[in-house]
Amino acid sequence: MNTRVIFDEDVATETDTTTDVDLEFVVMDESELERPYRVIIHNDNVTTFEFVIAVLIKIFGLSTYRSEQIAYQTHTEGNAYVTTLPLEEAKSKVFKAQYLARQQGYPLTFTIEPE
C-alpha cells in the first residue's frame, strides 16, 4: 500500500488555540493557614476499636488512655473531637489516617472544621 502525502503551500490553515479553563484560586493568608482547626472522628459499624485506637496513637500522637476514650465516645455518640491543629497539619494527619484505613478495608472517616 502506497501512501501519498501532498503539501499545499497555498492553503492557509488556522489553528484554534483558545481553550476554556475554569480555575478558582482561594487566597488564604498565613493567619488563616495557622488558625486552629478541629479534627473530628466519625463512627461506622466496620472499623474496629483496636484499629481506631492504633490510628489515634500512631498518627495523632495521643496516649492510649485518651485514644480509648475517643474510640468509646465515637461509638456511643456518633463522633468525637480528636485534636486541634493548624489546617495543613490537620489535613496531612487526616489523609494519613484515612489512607491507612482504606488499605485495611475500613471506612474510618474524619472531618476538619474551623475552631
PDB file of N, CA and C in Angstrom:
ATOM      1  N   MET A   1       0.856  -1.158   0.000  1.00  0.00           N
ATOM      2  CA  MET A   1       0.000   0.000   0.000  1.00  0.00           C
ATOM      3  C   MET A   1       0.904   1.224   0.000  1.00  0.00           C
ATOM      4  N   ASN A   2       0.687   2.105  -0.933  1.00  0.00           N
ATOM      5  CA  ASN A   2       1.451   3.345  -1.022  1.00  0.00           C
ATOM      6  C   ASN A   2       0.637   4.482  -0.453  1.00  0.00           C
ATOM      7  N   THR A   3       1.297   5.301   0.337  1.00  0.00           N
ATOM      8  CA  THR A   3       0.636   6.467   0.889  1.00  0.00           C
ATOM      9  C   THR A   3       1.272   7.686   0.273  1.00  0.00           C
ATOM     10  N   ARG A   4       0.461   8.565  -0.214  1.00  0.00           N
ATOM     11  CA  ARG A   4       0.954   9.765  -0.864  1.00  0.00           C
ATOM     12  C   ARG A   4       0.556  10.964  -0.033  1.00  0.00           C
ATOM     13  N   VAL A   5       1.527  11.765   0.325  1.00  0.00           N
ATOM     14  CA  VAL A   5       1.282  12.954   1.118  1.00  0.00           C
ATOM     15  C   VAL A   5       1.450  14.151   0.214  1.00  0.00           C
ATOM     16  N   ILE A   6       0.457  15.033   0.219  1.00  0.00           N
ATOM     17  CA  ILE A   6       0.509  16.236  -0.609  1.00  0.00           C
ATOM     18  C   ILE A   6       0.562  17.440   0.297  1.00  0.00           C
ATOM     19  N   PHE A   7       1.536  18.285   0.085  1.00  0.00           N
ATOM     20  CA  PHE A   7       1.659  19.536   0.823  1.00  0.00           C
ATOM     21  C   PHE A   7       1.226  20.652  -0.091  1.00  0.00           C
ATOM     22  N   ASP A   8       0.246  21.399   0.317  1.00  0.00           N
ATOM     23  CA  ASP A   8      -0.219  22.514  -0.492  1.00  0.00           C
ATOM     24  C   ASP A   8       0.120  23.788   0.251  1.00  0.00           C
ATOM     25  N   GLU A   9       1.141  24.464  -0.207  1.00  0.00           N
ATOM     26  CA  GLU A   9       1.603  25.675   0.470  1.00  0.00           C
ATOM     27  C   GLU A   9       0.680  26.851   0.238  1.00  0.00           C
ATOM     28  N   ASP A  10      -0.218  26.737  -0.711  1.00  0.00           N
ATOM     29  CA  ASP A  10      -1.125  27.840  -0.995  1.00  0.00           C
ATOM     30  C   ASP A  10      -2.350  27.827  -0.094  1.00  0.00           C
ATOM     31  N   VAL A  11      -2.549  26.773   0.666  1.00  0.00           N
ATOM     32  CA  VAL A  11      -3.723  26.670   1.521  1.00  0.00           C
ATOM     33  C   VAL A  11      -3.322  27.120   2.920  1.00  0.00           C
ATOM     34  N   ALA A  12      -4.000  28.148   3.407  1.00  0.00           N
ATOM     35  CA  ALA A  12      -3.731  28.637   4.755  1.00  0.00           C
ATOM     36  C   ALA A  12      -4.543  27.815   5.740  1.00  0.00           C
ATOM     37  N   THR A  13      -3.914  27.465   6.833  1.00  0.00           N
ATOM     38  CA  THR A  13      -4.647  26.726   7.855  1.00  0.00           C
ATOM     39  C   THR A  13      -4.686  27.563   9.116  1.00  0.00           C
ATOM     40  N   GLU A  14      -5.803  27.496   9.786  1.00  0.00           N
ATOM     41  CA  GLU A  14      -5.951  28.194  11.058  1.00  0.00           C
ATOM     42  C   GLU A  14      -6.055  27.162  12.163  1.00  0.00           C
ATOM     43  N   THR A  15      -5.340  27.423  13.197  1.00  0.00           N
ATOM     44  CA  THR A  15      -5.406  26.544  14.349  1.00  0.00           C
ATOM     45  C   THR A  15      -6.114  27.274  15.465  1.00  0.00           C
ATOM     46  N   ASP A  16      -7.136  26.649  15.993  1.00  0.00           N
ATOM     47  CA  ASP A  16      -7.871  27.239  17.109  1.00  0.00           C
ATOM     48  C   ASP A  16      -7.105  26.955  18.395  1.00  0.00           C
ATOM     49  N   THR A  17      -6.576  27.999  18.980  1.00  0.00           N
ATOM     50  CA  THR A  17      -5.771  27.821  20.186  1.00  0.00           C
ATOM     51  C   THR A  17      -6.482  28.309  21.434  1.00  0.00           C
ATOM     52  N   THR A  18      -7.733  28.617  21.321  1.00  0.00           N
ATOM     53  CA  THR A  18      -8.457  29.063  22.513  1.00  0.00           C
ATOM     54  C   THR A  18      -8.920  27.858  23.305  1.00  0.00           C
ATOM     55  N   THR A  19      -8.708  27.936  24.582  1.00  0.00           N
ATOM     56  CA  THR A  19      -9.190  26.879  25.470  1.00  0.00           C
ATOM     57  C   THR A  19      -9.915  27.534  26.625  1.00  0.00           C
ATOM     58  N   ASP A  20     -10.930  26.880  27.073  1.00  0.00           N
ATOM     59  CA  ASP A  20     -11.668  27.371  28.223  1.00  0.00           C
ATOM     60  C   ASP A  20     -11.281  26.540  29.436  1.00  0.00           C
ATOM     61  N   VAL A  21     -10.629  27.178  30.366  1.00  0.00           N
ATOM     62  CA  VAL A  21     -10.233  26.514  31.593  1.00  0.00           C
ATOM     63  C   VAL A  21     -10.770  27.330  32.752  1.00  0.00           C
ATOM     64  N   ASP A  22     -11.551  26.680  33.586  1.00  0.00           N
ATOM     65  CA  ASP A  22     -12.077  27.359  34.765  1.00  0.00           C
ATOM     66  C   ASP A  22     -11.175  27.044  35.949  1.00  0.00           C
ATOM     67  N   LEU A  23     -10.539  28.049  36.463  1.00  0.00           N
ATOM     68  CA  LEU A  23      -9.697  27.904  37.643  1.00  0.00           C
ATOM     69  C   LEU A  23     -10.244  28.787  38.737  1.00  0.00           C
ATOM     70  N   GLU A  24     -10.220  28.273  39.915  1.00  0.00           N
ATOM     71  CA  GLU A  24     -10.624  29.075  41.057  1.00  0.00           C
ATOM     72  C   GLU A  24      -9.480  29.050  42.057  1.00  0.00           C
ATOM     73  N   PHE A  25      -8.987  30.217  42.370  1.00  0.00           N
ATOM     74  CA  PHE A  25      -7.910  30.328  43.335  1.00  0.00           C
ATOM     75  C   PHE A  25      -8.482  30.842  44.649  1.00  0.00           C
ATOM     76  N   VAL A  26      -8.168  30.147  45.704  1.00  0.00           N
ATOM     77  CA  VAL A  26      -8.586  30.582  47.025  1.00  0.00           C
ATOM     78  C   VAL A  26      -7.343  31.123  47.709  1.00  0.00           C
ATOM     79  N   VAL A  27      -7.371  32.387  47.980  1.00  0.00           N
ATOM     80  CA  VAL A  27      -6.224  33.028  48.602  1.00  0.00           C
ATOM     81  C   VAL A  27      -6.431  33.012  50.109  1.00  0.00           C
ATOM     82  N   MET A  28      -5.493  32.383  50.790  1.00  0.00           N
ATOM     83  CA  MET A  28      -5.551  32.332  52.242  1.00  0.00           C
ATOM     84  C   MET A  28      -4.283  32.980  52.766  1.00  0.00           C
ATOM     85  N   ASP A  29      -4.456  33.894  53.674  1.00  0.00           N
ATOM     86  CA  ASP A  29      -3.253  34.473  54.248  1.00  0.00           C
ATOM     87  C   ASP A  29      -2.711  33.552  55.333  1.00  0.00           C
ATOM     88  N   GLU A  30      -1.531  33.874  55.809  1.00  0.00           N
ATOM     89  CA  GLU A  30      -0.850  32.995  56.762  1.00  0.00           C
ATOM     90  C   GLU A  30      -1.666  32.776  58.031  1.00  0.00           C
ATOM     91  N   SER A  31      -2.385  33.799  58.466  1.00  0.00           N
ATOM     92  CA  SER A  31      -3.164  33.633  59.703  1.00  0.00           C
ATOM     93  C   SER A  31      -4.279  32.611  59.528  1.00  0.00           C
ATOM     94  N   GLU A  32      -4.862  32.533  58.322  1.00  0.00           N
ATOM     95  CA  GLU A  32      -5.904  31.533  58.077  1.00  0.00           C
ATOM     96  C   GLU A  32      -5.322  30.123  58.051  1.00  0.00           C
ATOM     97  N   LEU A  33      -4.108  29.990  57.510  1.00  0.00           N
ATOM     98  CA  LEU A  33      -3.472  28.681  57.464  1.00  0.00           C
ATOM     99  C   LEU A  33      -3.065  28.208  58.851  1.00  0.00           C
ATOM    100  N   GLU A  34      -2.720  29.149  59.714  1.00  0.00           N
ATOM    101  CA  GLU A  34      -2.242  28.794  61.042  1.00  0.00           C
ATOM    102  C   GLU A  34      -3.353  28.777  62.098  1.00  0.00           C
ATOM    103  N   ARG A  35      -4.535  29.258  61.743  1.00  0.00           N
ATOM    104  CA  ARG A  35      -5.599  29.253  62.743  1.00  0.00           C
ATOM    105  C   ARG A  35      -5.985  27.824  63.074  1.00  0.00           C
ATOM    106  N   PRO A  36      -6.501  27.588  64.256  1.00  0.00           N
ATOM    107  CA  PRO A  36      -6.766  26.215  64.686  1.00  0.00           C
ATOM    108  C   PRO A  36      -7.982  25.584  63.994  1.00  0.00           C
ATOM    109  N   TYR A  37      -7.820  24.311  63.685  1.00  0.00           N
ATOM    110  CA  TYR A  37      -8.899  23.511  63.102  1.00  0.00           C
ATOM    111  C   TYR A  37      -9.101  22.266  63.955  1.00  0.00           C
ATOM    112  N   ARG A  38     -10.359  21.920  64.155  1.00  0.00           N
ATOM    113  CA  ARG A  38     -10.710  20.747  64.956  1.00  0.00           C
ATOM    114  C   ARG A  38     -10.782  19.518  64.056  1.00  0.00           C
ATOM    115  N   VAL A  39     -10.207  18.427  64.509  1.00  0.00           N
ATOM    116  CA  VAL A  39     -10.311  17.144  63.808  1.00  0.00           C
ATOM    117  C   VAL A  39     -11.361  16.319  64.549  1.00  0.00           C
ATOM    118  N   ILE A  40     -12.346  15.837  63.799  1.00  0.00           N
ATOM    119  CA  ILE A  40     -13.461  15.061  64.347  1.00  0.00           C
ATOM    120  C   ILE A  40     -13.437  13.668  63.714  1.00  0.00           C
ATOM    121  N   ILE A  41     -13.585  12.641  64.535  1.00  0.00           N
ATOM    122  CA  ILE A  41     -13.679  11.264  64.044  1.00  0.00           C
ATOM    123  C   ILE A  41     -15.152  10.855  64.050  1.00  0.00           C
ATOM    124  N   HIS A  42     -15.543  10.069  63.046  1.00  0.00           N
ATOM    125  CA  HIS A  42     -16.941   9.654  62.907  1.00  0.00           C
ATOM    126  C   HIS A  42     -17.079   8.140  63.053  1.00  0.00           C
ATOM    127  N   ASN A  43     -18.161   7.724  63.664  1.00  0.00           N
ATOM    128  CA  ASN A  43     -18.431   6.309  63.893  1.00  0.00           C
ATOM    129  C   ASN A  43     -18.843   5.613  62.605  1.00  0.00           C
ATOM    130  N   ASP A  44     -18.481   4.359  62.511  1.00  0.00           N
ATOM    131  CA  ASP A  44     -19.007   3.475  61.477  1.00  0.00           C
ATOM    132  C   ASP A  44     -19.148   2.092  62.114  1.00  0.00           C
ATOM    133  N   ASN A  45     -19.824   1.199  61.441  1.00  0.00           N
ATOM    134  CA  ASN A  45     -20.087  -0.114  62.015  1.00  0.00           C
ATOM    135  C   ASN A  45     -19.079  -1.178  61.583  1.00  0.00           C
ATOM    136  N   VAL A  46     -17.953  -0.755  61.000  1.00  0.00           N
ATOM    137  CA  VAL A  46     -16.989  -1.703  60.466  1.00  0.00           C
ATOM    138  C   VAL A  46     -15.626  -1.586  61.149  1.00  0.00           C
ATOM    139  N   THR A  47     -15.126  -0.383  61.301  1.00  0.00           N
ATOM    140  CA  THR A  47     -13.784  -0.174  61.842  1.00  0.00           C
ATOM    141  C   THR A  47     -13.721  -0.646  63.291  1.00  0.00           C
ATOM    142  N   THR A  48     -12.712  -1.433  63.603  1.00  0.00           N
ATOM    143  CA  THR A  48     -12.589  -1.993  64.949  1.00  0.00           C
ATOM    144  C   THR A  48     -12.049  -0.955  65.944  1.00  0.00           C
ATOM    145  N   PHE A  49     -12.373  -1.180  67.205  1.00  0.00           N
ATOM    146  CA  PHE A  49     -11.846  -0.327  68.271  1.00  0.00           C
ATOM    147  C   PHE A  49     -10.319  -0.341  68.236  1.00  0.00           C
ATOM    148  N   GLU A  50      -9.755  -1.518  68.070  1.00  0.00           N
ATOM    149  CA  GLU A  50      -8.302  -1.663  68.081  1.00  0.00           C
ATOM    150  C   GLU A  50      -7.644  -0.822  66.992  1.00  0.00           C
ATOM    151  N   PHE A  51      -8.253  -0.829  65.801  1.00  0.00           N
ATOM    152  CA  PHE A  51      -7.685  -0.058  64.700  1.00  0.00           C
ATOM    153  C   PHE A  51      -7.796   1.441  64.977  1.00  0.00           C
ATOM    154  N   VAL A  52      -8.959   1.885  65.444  1.00  0.00           N
ATOM    155  CA  VAL A  52      -9.159   3.301  65.772  1.00  0.00           C
ATOM    156  C   VAL A  52      -8.131   3.749  66.808  1.00  0.00           C
ATOM    157  N   ILE A  53      -7.971   2.968  67.848  1.00  0.00           N
ATOM    158  CA  ILE A  53      -7.025   3.319  68.911  1.00  0.00           C
ATOM    159  C   ILE A  53      -5.603   3.389  68.364  1.00  0.00           C
ATOM    160  N   ALA A  54      -5.224   2.424  67.539  1.00  0.00           N
ATOM    161  CA  ALA A  54      -3.879   2.422  66.949  1.00  0.00           C
ATOM    162  C   ALA A  54      -3.641   3.661  66.086  1.00  0.00           C
ATOM    163  N   VAL A  55      -4.630   4.047  65.296  1.00  0.00           N
ATOM    164  CA  VAL A  55      -4.508   5.238  64.441  1.00  0.00           C
ATOM    165  C   VAL A  55      -4.360   6.504  65.298  1.00  0.00           C
ATOM    166  N   LEU A  56      -5.168   6.599  66.329  1.00  0.00           N
ATOM    167  CA  LEU A  56      -5.100   7.792  67.190  1.00  0.00           C
ATOM    168  C   LEU A  56      -3.748   7.888  67.892  1.00  0.00           C
ATOM    169  N   ILE A  57      -3.180   6.763  68.257  1.00  0.00           N
ATOM    170  CA  ILE A  57      -1.864   6.763  68.917  1.00  0.00           C
ATOM    171  C   ILE A  57      -0.760   7.074  67.905  1.00  0.00           C
ATOM    172  N   LYS A  58      -0.731   6.323  66.801  1.00  0.00           N
ATOM    173  CA  LYS A  58       0.381   6.422  65.854  1.00  0.00           C
ATOM    174  C   LYS A  58       0.350   7.683  64.999  1.00  0.00           C
ATOM    175  N   ILE A  59      -0.801   8.086  64.530  1.00  0.00           N
ATOM    176  CA  ILE A  59      -0.870   9.227  63.610  1.00  0.00           C
ATOM    177  C   ILE A  59      -1.098  10.541  64.339  1.00  0.00           C
ATOM    178  N   PHE A  60      -1.975  10.522  65.347  1.00  0.00           N
ATOM    179  CA  PHE A  60      -2.289  11.775  66.040  1.00  0.00           C
ATOM    180  C   PHE A  60      -1.470  11.969  67.313  1.00  0.00           C
ATOM    181  N   GLY A  61      -0.698  10.956  67.707  1.00  0.00           N
ATOM    182  CA  GLY A  61       0.186  11.087  68.860  1.00  0.00           C
ATOM    183  C   GLY A  61      -0.511  11.150  70.203  1.00  0.00           C
ATOM    184  N   LEU A  62      -1.697  10.560  70.294  1.00  0.00           N
ATOM    185  CA  LEU A  62      -2.446  10.585  71.544  1.00  0.00           C
ATOM    186  C   LEU A  62      -2.019   9.426  72.444  1.00  0.00           C
ATOM    187  N   SER A  63      -2.289   9.558  73.718  1.00  0.00           N
ATOM    188  CA  SER A  63      -1.992   8.481  74.658  1.00  0.00           C
ATOM    189  C   SER A  63      -2.982   7.335  74.457  1.00  0.00           C
ATOM    190  N   THR A  64      -2.618   6.187  74.956  1.00  0.00           N
ATOM    191  CA  THR A  64      -3.519   5.031  74.880  1.00  0.00           C
ATOM    192  C   THR A  64      -4.832   5.329  75.602  1.00  0.00           C
ATOM    193  N   TYR A  65      -4.730   5.905  76.789  1.00  0.00           N
ATOM    194  CA  TYR A  65      -5.925   6.214  77.572  1.00  0.00           C
ATOM    195  C   TYR A  65      -6.854   7.162  76.807  1.00  0.00           C
ATOM    196  N   ARG A  66      -6.292   8.249  76.275  1.00  0.00           N
ATOM    197  CA  ARG A  66      -7.110   9.236  75.548  1.00  0.00           C
ATOM    198  C   ARG A  66      -7.691   8.614  74.274  1.00  0.00           C
ATOM    199  N   SER A  67      -6.919   7.790  73.597  1.00  0.00           N
ATOM    200  CA  SER A  67      -7.395   7.130  72.376  1.00  0.00           C
ATOM    201  C   SER A  67      -8.566   6.202  72.672  1.00  0.00           C
ATOM    202  N   GLU A  68      -8.497   5.488  73.781  1.00  0.00           N
ATOM    203  CA  GLU A  68      -9.602   4.611  74.173  1.00  0.00           C
ATOM    204  C   GLU A  68     -10.854   5.420  74.495  1.00  0.00           C
ATOM    205  N   GLN A  69     -10.681   6.556  75.180  1.00  0.00           N
ATOM    206  CA  GLN A  69     -11.825   7.422  75.485  1.00  0.00           C
ATOM    207  C   GLN A  69     -12.497   7.916  74.198  1.00  0.00           C
ATOM    208  N   ILE A  70     -11.682   8.354  73.244  1.00  0.00           N
ATOM    209  CA  ILE A  70     -12.220   8.867  71.973  1.00  0.00           C
ATOM    210  C   ILE A  70     -12.938   7.755  71.214  1.00  0.00           C
ATOM    211  N   ALA A  71     -12.351   6.562  71.173  1.00  0.00           N
ATOM    212  CA  ALA A  71     -12.990   5.438  70.473  1.00  0.00           C
ATOM    213  C   ALA A  71     -14.355   5.119  71.085  1.00  0.00           C
ATOM    214  N   TYR A  72     -14.425   5.093  72.404  1.00  0.00           N
ATOM    215  CA  TYR A  72     -15.691   4.793  73.080  1.00  0.00           C
ATOM    216  C   TYR A  72     -16.721   5.906  72.828  1.00  0.00           C
ATOM    217  N   GLN A  73     -16.296   7.156  72.947  1.00  0.00           N
ATOM    218  CA  GLN A  73     -17.211   8.279  72.709  1.00  0.00           C
ATOM    219  C   GLN A  73     -17.726   8.265  71.275  1.00  0.00           C
ATOM    220  N   THR A  74     -16.847   7.984  70.326  1.00  0.00           N
ATOM    221  CA  THR A  74     -17.247   7.918  68.920  1.00  0.00           C
ATOM    222  C   THR A  74     -18.299   6.828  68.729  1.00  0.00           C
ATOM    223  N   HIS A  75     -18.085   5.692  69.349  1.00  0.00           N
ATOM    224  CA  HIS A  75     -19.012   4.560  69.233  1.00  0.00           C
ATOM    225  C   HIS A  75     -20.379   4.887  69.838  1.00  0.00           C
ATOM    226  N   THR A  76     -20.389   5.561  70.974  1.00  0.00           N
ATOM    227  CA  THR A  76     -21.657   5.811  71.668  1.00  0.00           C
ATOM    228  C   THR A  76     -22.370   7.074  71.197  1.00  0.00           C
ATOM    229  N   GLU A  77     -21.620   8.085  70.758  1.00  0.00           N
ATOM    230  CA  GLU A  77     -22.240   9.362  70.387  1.00  0.00           C
ATOM    231  C   GLU A  77     -22.238   9.649  68.883  1.00  0.00           C
ATOM    232  N   GLY A  78     -21.528   8.851  68.103  1.00  0.00           N
ATOM    233  CA  GLY A  78     -21.519   9.044  66.649  1.00  0.00           C
ATOM    234  C   GLY A  78     -20.301   9.781  66.125  1.00  0.00           C
ATOM    235  N   ASN A  79     -19.699  10.615  66.964  1.00  0.00           N
ATOM    236  CA  ASN A  79     -18.458  11.291  66.581  1.00  0.00           C
ATOM    237  C   ASN A  79     -17.785  11.804  67.843  1.00  0.00           C
ATOM    238  N   ALA A  80     -16.533  12.231  67.682  1.00  0.00           N
ATOM    239  CA  ALA A  80     -15.801  12.735  68.843  1.00  0.00           C
ATOM    240  C   ALA A  80     -14.685  13.668  68.378  1.00  0.00           C
ATOM    241  N   TYR A  81     -14.377  14.629  69.220  1.00  0.00           N
ATOM    242  CA  TYR A  81     -13.262  15.540  68.996  1.00  0.00           C
ATOM    243  C   TYR A  81     -11.954  14.775  69.207  1.00  0.00           C
ATOM    244  N   VAL A  82     -11.007  14.935  68.278  1.00  0.00           N
ATOM    245  CA  VAL A  82      -9.716  14.260  68.383  1.00  0.00           C
ATOM    246  C   VAL A  82      -8.637  15.230  68.858  1.00  0.00           C
ATOM    247  N   THR A  83      -8.462  16.326  68.106  1.00  0.00           N
ATOM    248  CA  THR A  83      -7.408  17.283  68.419  1.00  0.00           C
ATOM    249  C   THR A  83      -7.638  18.577  67.650  1.00  0.00           C
ATOM    250  N   THR A  84      -6.875  19.605  67.987  1.00  0.00           N
ATOM    251  CA  THR A  84      -6.890  20.869  67.261  1.00  0.00           C
ATOM    252  C   THR A  84      -5.494  21.106  66.702  1.00  0.00           C
ATOM    253  N   LEU A  85      -5.440  21.416  65.396  1.00  0.00           N
ATOM    254  CA  LEU A  85      -4.166  21.584  64.699  1.00  0.00           C
ATOM    255  C   LEU A  85      -4.268  22.699  63.665  1.00  0.00           C
ATOM    256  N   PRO A  86      -3.129  23.233  63.198  1.00  0.00           N
ATOM    257  CA  PRO A  86      -3.164  24.123  62.036  1.00  0.00           C
ATOM    258  C   PRO A  86      -3.705  23.342  60.830  1.00  0.00           C
ATOM    259  N   LEU A  87      -4.306  24.030  59.882  1.00  0.00           N
ATOM    260  CA  LEU A  87      -5.007  23.393  58.765  1.00  0.00           C
ATOM    261  C   LEU A  87      -4.153  22.370  58.020  1.00  0.00           C
ATOM    262  N   GLU A  88      -2.959  22.737  57.600  1.00  0.00           N
ATOM    263  CA  GLU A  88      -2.140  21.819  56.804  1.00  0.00           C
ATOM    264  C   GLU A  88      -1.771  20.562  57.589  1.00  0.00           C
ATOM    265  N   GLU A  89      -1.471  20.710  58.855  1.00  0.00           N
ATOM    266  CA  GLU A  89      -1.142  19.552  59.682  1.00  0.00           C
ATOM    267  C   GLU A  89      -2.373  18.667  59.882  1.00  0.00           C
ATOM    268  N   ALA A  90      -3.529  19.292  60.086  1.00  0.00           N
ATOM    269  CA  ALA A  90      -4.780  18.532  60.237  1.00  0.00           C
ATOM    270  C   ALA A  90      -5.081  17.747  58.963  1.00  0.00           C
ATOM    271  N   LYS A  91      -4.953  18.394  57.815  1.00  0.00           N
ATOM    272  CA  LYS A  91      -5.216  17.722  56.542  1.00  0.00           C
ATOM    273  C   LYS A  91      -4.256  16.559  56.317  1.00  0.00           C
ATOM    274  N   SER A  92      -2.994  16.750  56.646  1.00  0.00           N
ATOM    275  CA  SER A  92      -1.996  15.710  56.466  1.00  0.00           C
ATOM    276  C   SER A  92      -2.303  14.491  57.334  1.00  0.00           C
ATOM    277  N   LYS A  93      -2.626  14.725  58.600  1.00  0.00           N
ATOM    278  CA  LYS A  93      -2.895  13.608  59.509  1.00  0.00           C
ATOM    279  C   LYS A  93      -4.190  12.888  59.148  1.00  0.00           C
ATOM    280  N   VAL A  94      -5.206  13.633  58.769  1.00  0.00           N
ATOM    281  CA  VAL A  94      -6.470  13.014  58.361  1.00  0.00           C
ATOM    282  C   VAL A  94      -6.253  12.175  57.101  1.00  0.00           C
ATOM    283  N   PHE A  95      -5.489  12.695  56.150  1.00  0.00           N
ATOM    284  CA  PHE A  95      -5.201  11.930  54.935  1.00  0.00           C
ATOM    285  C   PHE A  95      -4.491  10.624  55.279  1.00  0.00           C
ATOM    286  N   LYS A  96      -3.463  10.709  56.121  1.00  0.00           N
ATOM    287  CA  LYS A  96      -2.711   9.508  56.507  1.00  0.00           C
ATOM    288  C   LYS A  96      -3.615   8.486  57.198  1.00  0.00           C
ATOM    289  N   ALA A  97      -4.451   8.958  58.100  1.00  0.00           N
ATOM    290  CA  ALA A  97      -5.336   8.059  58.841  1.00  0.00           C
ATOM    291  C   ALA A  97      -6.343   7.384  57.917  1.00  0.00           C
ATOM    292  N   GLN A  98      -6.958   8.148  57.047  1.00  0.00           N
ATOM    293  CA  GLN A  98      -7.969   7.586  56.149  1.00  0.00           C
ATOM    294  C   GLN A  98      -7.324   6.687  55.090  1.00  0.00           C
ATOM    295  N   TYR A  99      -6.136   7.036  54.641  1.00  0.00           N
ATOM    296  CA  TYR A  99      -5.423   6.197  53.678  1.00  0.00           C
ATOM    297  C   TYR A  99      -5.097   4.841  54.303  1.00  0.00           C
ATOM    298  N   LEU A 100      -4.577   4.867  55.515  1.00  0.00           N
ATOM    299  CA  LEU A 100      -4.258   3.632  56.225  1.00  0.00           C
ATOM    300  C   LEU A 100      -5.519   2.792  56.430  1.00  0.00           C
ATOM    301  N   ALA A 101      -6.611   3.442  56.787  1.00  0.00           N
ATOM    302  CA  ALA A 101      -7.880   2.733  56.987  1.00  0.00           C
ATOM    303  C   ALA A 101      -8.344   2.059  55.695  1.00  0.00           C
ATOM    304  N   ARG A 102      -8.266   2.768  54.576  1.00  0.00           N
ATOM    305  CA  ARG A 102      -8.704   2.191  53.298  1.00  0.00           C
ATOM    306  C   ARG A 102      -7.831   1.001  52.915  1.00  0.00           C
ATOM    307  N   GLN A 103      -6.537   1.083  53.206  1.00  0.00           N
ATOM    308  CA  GLN A 103      -5.642  -0.040  52.914  1.00  0.00           C
ATOM    309  C   GLN A 103      -6.056  -1.290  53.689  1.00  0.00           C
ATOM    310  N   GLN A 104      -6.618  -1.085  54.872  1.00  0.00           N
ATOM    311  CA  GLN A 104      -7.043  -2.208  55.708  1.00  0.00           C
ATOM    312  C   GLN A 104      -8.512  -2.569  55.487  1.00  0.00           C
ATOM    313  N   GLY A 105      -9.189  -1.847  54.590  1.00  0.00           N
ATOM    314  CA  GLY A 105     -10.585  -2.139  54.281  1.00  0.00           C
ATOM    315  C   GLY A 105     -11.595  -1.514  55.228  1.00  0.00           C
ATOM    316  N   TYR A 106     -11.174  -0.486  55.965  1.00  0.00           N
ATOM    317  CA  TYR A 106     -12.075   0.187  56.903  1.00  0.00           C
ATOM    318  C   TYR A 106     -12.554   1.523  56.335  1.00  0.00           C
ATOM    319  N   PRO A 107     -13.813   1.875  56.592  1.00  0.00           N
ATOM    320  CA  PRO A 107     -14.349   3.156  56.117  1.00  0.00           C
ATOM    321  C   PRO A 107     -14.161   4.311  57.111  1.00  0.00           C
ATOM    322  N   LEU A 108     -13.184   4.221  57.980  1.00  0.00           N
ATOM    323  CA  LEU A 108     -12.938   5.237  59.003  1.00  0.00           C
ATOM    324  C   LEU A 108     -12.896   6.635  58.382  1.00  0.00           C
ATOM    325  N   THR A 109     -13.636   7.564  59.000  1.00  0.00           N
ATOM    326  CA  THR A 109     -13.757   8.912  58.443  1.00  0.00           C
ATOM    327  C   THR A 109     -13.474   9.965  59.504  1.00  0.00           C
ATOM    328  N   PHE A 110     -12.758  11.002  59.087  1.00  0.00           N
ATOM    329  CA  PHE A 110     -12.500  12.176  59.904  1.00  0.00           C
ATOM    330  C   PHE A 110     -12.968  13.394  59.130  1.00  0.00           C
ATOM    331  N   THR A 111     -13.341  14.439  59.850  1.00  0.00           N
ATOM    332  CA  THR A 111     -13.605  15.729  59.214  1.00  0.00           C
ATOM    333  C   THR A 111     -12.774  16.791  59.922  1.00  0.00           C
ATOM    334  N   ILE A 112     -12.597  17.911  59.230  1.00  0.00           N
ATOM    335  CA  ILE A 112     -11.850  19.046  59.754  1.00  0.00           C
ATOM    336  C   ILE A 112     -12.773  20.250  59.711  1.00  0.00           C
ATOM    337  N   GLU A 113     -12.834  20.988  60.822  1.00  0.00           N
ATOM    338  CA  GLU A 113     -13.689  22.185  60.866  1.00  0.00           C
ATOM    339  C   GLU A 113     -12.952  23.296  61.603  1.00  0.00           C
ATOM    340  N   PRO A 114     -13.204  24.545  61.221  1.00  0.00           N
ATOM    341  CA  PRO A 114     -12.570  25.662  61.927  1.00  0.00           C
ATOM    342  C   PRO A 114     -13.003  25.684  63.384  1.00  0.00           C
ATOM    343  N   GLU A 115     -12.087  26.070  64.239  1.00  0.00           N
ATOM    344  CA  GLU A 115     -12.439  26.145  65.666  1.00  0.00           C
ATOM    345  C   GLU A 115     -13.131  27.455  65.961  1.00  0.00           C
TER     346      GLU A 115
END
